[in-house]
Amino acid sequence: MIDYLALALTHALIVIALLRILTRDELDREDPLASDPAVTAAAPVARAKQRRIRRRRRQGRNQGRDDA
């Protein structure tokens, strides 16, 4: 009985981890190639913008959790 419980628990945790990884937005995007000079010049600005967007999303999620 304990063997089945241990196997079920570990497999359930693995499935949960995989689902959380697969639902992330970062998996839907590819970073541009670093060898392109036009892209590398604008890359810091674009990264800063992406960070701001992610930070706002996280803050929105955290505010929702605080109210609960």
N, C-alpha and C. Protein backbone atom coordinates (compact mmCIF):
# COMPACT_ATOMS: atom_id res chain seq x y z
N MET A 1 0.83 -1.20 0.00
CA MET A 1 0.00 0.00 0.00
C MET A 1 0.87 1.26 0.00
N ILE A 2 1.91 1.26 0.83
CA ILE A 2 2.78 2.43 0.91
C ILE A 2 3.52 2.62 -0.41
N ASP A 3 3.90 1.52 -1.05
CA ASP A 3 4.60 1.62 -2.33
C ASP A 3 3.73 2.31 -3.38
N TYR A 4 2.47 1.94 -3.43
CA TYR A 4 1.55 2.56 -4.39
C TYR A 4 1.34 4.04 -4.07
N LEU A 5 1.24 4.36 -2.80
CA LEU A 5 1.06 5.75 -2.39
C LEU A 5 2.29 6.58 -2.77
N ALA A 6 3.47 6.05 -2.52
CA ALA A 6 4.70 6.77 -2.86
C ALA A 6 4.82 6.97 -4.37
N LEU A 7 4.52 5.95 -5.14
CA LEU A 7 4.57 6.08 -6.59
C LEU A 7 3.54 7.08 -7.11
N ALA A 8 2.34 7.01 -6.59
CA ALA A 8 1.29 7.93 -7.02
C ALA A 8 1.65 9.37 -6.66
N LEU A 9 2.16 9.58 -5.47
CA LEU A 9 2.51 10.93 -5.03
C LEU A 9 3.63 11.52 -5.90
N THR A 10 4.68 10.77 -6.12
CA THR A 10 5.79 11.30 -6.91
C THR A 10 5.36 11.56 -8.36
N HIS A 11 4.57 10.66 -8.93
CA HIS A 11 4.13 10.87 -10.30
C HIS A 11 3.16 12.05 -10.39
N ALA A 12 2.33 12.23 -9.41
CA ALA A 12 1.41 13.37 -9.41
C ALA A 12 2.19 14.68 -9.32
N LEU A 13 3.23 14.72 -8.51
CA LEU A 13 4.04 15.92 -8.40
C LEU A 13 4.78 16.22 -9.70
N ILE A 14 5.24 15.20 -10.36
CA ILE A 14 5.91 15.39 -11.65
C ILE A 14 4.93 15.94 -12.68
N VAL A 15 3.72 15.40 -12.71
CA VAL A 15 2.70 15.88 -13.65
C VAL A 15 2.35 17.34 -13.37
N ILE A 16 2.21 17.69 -12.10
CA ILE A 16 1.91 19.07 -11.74
C ILE A 16 3.03 20.00 -12.19
N ALA A 17 4.27 19.59 -11.97
CA ALA A 17 5.41 20.41 -12.38
C ALA A 17 5.44 20.58 -13.90
N LEU A 18 5.20 19.52 -14.64
CA LEU A 18 5.18 19.62 -16.09
C LEU A 18 4.06 20.52 -16.59
N LEU A 19 2.89 20.42 -15.99
CA LEU A 19 1.78 21.28 -16.40
C LEU A 19 2.09 22.75 -16.14
N ARG A 20 2.73 23.03 -15.02
CA ARG A 20 3.08 24.43 -14.71
C ARG A 20 4.12 24.95 -15.69
N ILE A 21 5.06 24.11 -16.08
CA ILE A 21 6.10 24.52 -17.03
C ILE A 21 5.48 24.74 -18.42
N LEU A 22 4.61 23.83 -18.84
CA LEU A 22 4.05 23.92 -20.18
C LEU A 22 3.07 25.08 -20.35
N THR A 23 2.50 25.58 -19.27
CA THR A 23 1.54 26.68 -19.38
C THR A 23 2.21 28.04 -19.29
N ARG A 24 3.52 28.09 -19.17
CA ARG A 24 4.23 29.38 -19.09
C ARG A 24 4.24 30.06 -20.45
N ASP A 25 4.13 31.39 -20.44
CA ASP A 25 4.12 32.16 -21.68
C ASP A 25 5.48 32.17 -22.37
N GLU A 26 6.55 32.02 -21.63
CA GLU A 26 7.88 32.08 -22.23
C GLU A 26 8.12 30.96 -23.23
N LEU A 27 7.38 29.87 -23.13
CA LEU A 27 7.57 28.77 -24.06
C LEU A 27 7.01 29.08 -25.45
N ASP A 28 6.14 30.07 -25.55
CA ASP A 28 5.55 30.41 -26.83
C ASP A 28 6.38 31.39 -27.64
N ARG A 29 7.43 31.92 -27.06
CA ARG A 29 8.24 32.92 -27.73
C ARG A 29 9.68 32.43 -27.91
N GLU A 30 10.29 32.90 -28.99
CA GLU A 30 11.71 32.63 -29.21
C GLU A 30 12.45 33.95 -29.20
N ASP A 31 13.60 33.96 -28.57
CA ASP A 31 14.43 35.16 -28.59
C ASP A 31 15.10 35.28 -29.96
N PRO A 32 15.24 36.48 -30.46
CA PRO A 32 15.90 36.66 -31.76
C PRO A 32 17.38 36.26 -31.66
N LEU A 33 17.95 35.97 -32.78
CA LEU A 33 19.35 35.58 -32.82
C LEU A 33 20.24 36.74 -32.40
N ALA A 34 21.25 36.44 -31.62
CA ALA A 34 22.16 37.47 -31.12
C ALA A 34 23.12 37.95 -32.20
N SER A 35 23.24 37.22 -33.30
CA SER A 35 24.18 37.61 -34.34
C SER A 35 23.64 38.74 -35.23
N ASP A 36 22.37 39.04 -35.16
CA ASP A 36 21.78 40.10 -35.98
C ASP A 36 22.05 41.46 -35.32
N PRO A 37 22.84 42.35 -35.95
CA PRO A 37 23.20 43.63 -35.32
C PRO A 37 21.99 44.53 -35.07
N ALA A 38 20.99 44.48 -35.92
CA ALA A 38 19.81 45.33 -35.71
C ALA A 38 19.05 44.90 -34.46
N VAL A 39 19.06 43.62 -34.20
CA VAL A 39 18.34 43.10 -33.04
C VAL A 39 19.14 43.37 -31.76
N THR A 40 20.45 43.20 -31.82
CA THR A 40 21.26 43.38 -30.61
C THR A 40 21.27 44.82 -30.14
N ALA A 41 21.10 45.78 -31.03
CA ALA A 41 21.08 47.19 -30.62
C ALA A 41 19.80 47.50 -29.86
N ALA A 42 18.70 46.89 -30.23
CA ALA A 42 17.41 47.16 -29.59
C ALA A 42 17.10 46.17 -28.47
N ALA A 43 17.94 45.17 -28.29
CA ALA A 43 17.66 44.11 -27.32
C ALA A 43 17.53 44.62 -25.88
N PRO A 44 18.41 45.49 -25.37
CA PRO A 44 18.25 45.94 -23.98
C PRO A 44 16.93 46.67 -23.74
N VAL A 45 16.50 47.46 -24.70
CA VAL A 45 15.23 48.18 -24.55
C VAL A 45 14.07 47.20 -24.55
N ALA A 46 14.11 46.23 -25.46
CA ALA A 46 13.04 45.24 -25.53
C ALA A 46 13.00 44.40 -24.26
N ARG A 47 14.17 44.00 -23.74
CA ARG A 47 14.21 43.20 -22.51
C ARG A 47 13.65 43.98 -21.33
N ALA A 48 13.98 45.26 -21.26
CA ALA A 48 13.47 46.08 -20.16
C ALA A 48 11.95 46.19 -20.24
N LYS A 49 11.43 46.33 -21.44
CA LYS A 49 9.98 46.41 -21.62
C LYS A 49 9.32 45.10 -21.20
N GLN A 50 9.92 43.96 -21.59
CA GLN A 50 9.37 42.65 -21.21
C GLN A 50 9.40 42.47 -19.70
N ARG A 51 10.48 42.92 -19.05
CA ARG A 51 10.56 42.82 -17.59
C ARG A 51 9.46 43.62 -16.92
N ARG A 52 9.21 44.83 -17.44
CA ARG A 52 8.15 45.67 -16.86
C ARG A 52 6.78 45.00 -17.00
N ILE A 53 6.54 44.41 -18.17
CA ILE A 53 5.25 43.74 -18.39
C ILE A 53 5.11 42.55 -17.44
N ARG A 54 6.17 41.74 -17.32
CA ARG A 54 6.12 40.58 -16.42
C ARG A 54 5.92 41.01 -14.97
N ARG A 55 6.61 42.09 -14.57
CA ARG A 55 6.50 42.59 -13.21
C ARG A 55 5.06 43.04 -12.91
N ARG A 56 4.45 43.73 -13.88
CA ARG A 56 3.06 44.17 -13.69
C ARG A 56 2.11 42.98 -13.57
N ARG A 57 2.35 41.94 -14.39
CA ARG A 57 1.50 40.75 -14.31
C ARG A 57 1.64 40.08 -12.95
N ARG A 58 2.88 39.95 -12.49
CA ARG A 58 3.11 39.33 -11.18
C ARG A 58 2.47 40.14 -10.06
N GLN A 59 2.58 41.46 -10.14
CA GLN A 59 1.99 42.30 -9.11
C GLN A 59 0.48 42.15 -9.11
N GLY A 60 -0.11 42.03 -10.28
CA GLY A 60 -1.56 41.82 -10.37
C GLY A 60 -1.97 40.50 -9.76
N ARG A 61 -1.18 39.46 -10.00
CA ARG A 61 -1.48 38.14 -9.41
C ARG A 61 -1.32 38.18 -7.90
N ASN A 62 -0.26 38.83 -7.44
CA ASN A 62 -0.02 38.89 -6.00
C ASN A 62 -1.10 39.71 -5.29
N GLN A 63 -1.59 40.76 -5.92
CA GLN A 63 -2.64 41.56 -5.30
C GLN A 63 -3.91 40.74 -5.19
N GLY A 64 -4.19 39.92 -6.17
CA GLY A 64 -5.37 39.06 -6.12
C GLY A 64 -5.26 38.04 -4.99
N ARG A 65 -4.07 37.56 -4.74
CA ARG A 65 -3.87 36.58 -3.67
C ARG A 65 -3.98 37.21 -2.29
N ASP A 66 -3.55 38.47 -2.19
CA ASP A 66 -3.62 39.13 -0.89
C ASP A 66 -5.07 39.36 -0.47
N ASP A 67 -5.95 39.60 -1.44
CA ASP A 67 -7.35 39.87 -1.12
C ASP A 67 -8.08 38.63 -0.66
N ALA A 68 -7.62 37.47 -1.07
CA ALA A 68 -8.34 36.22 -0.76
C ALA A 68 -8.21 35.82 0.69
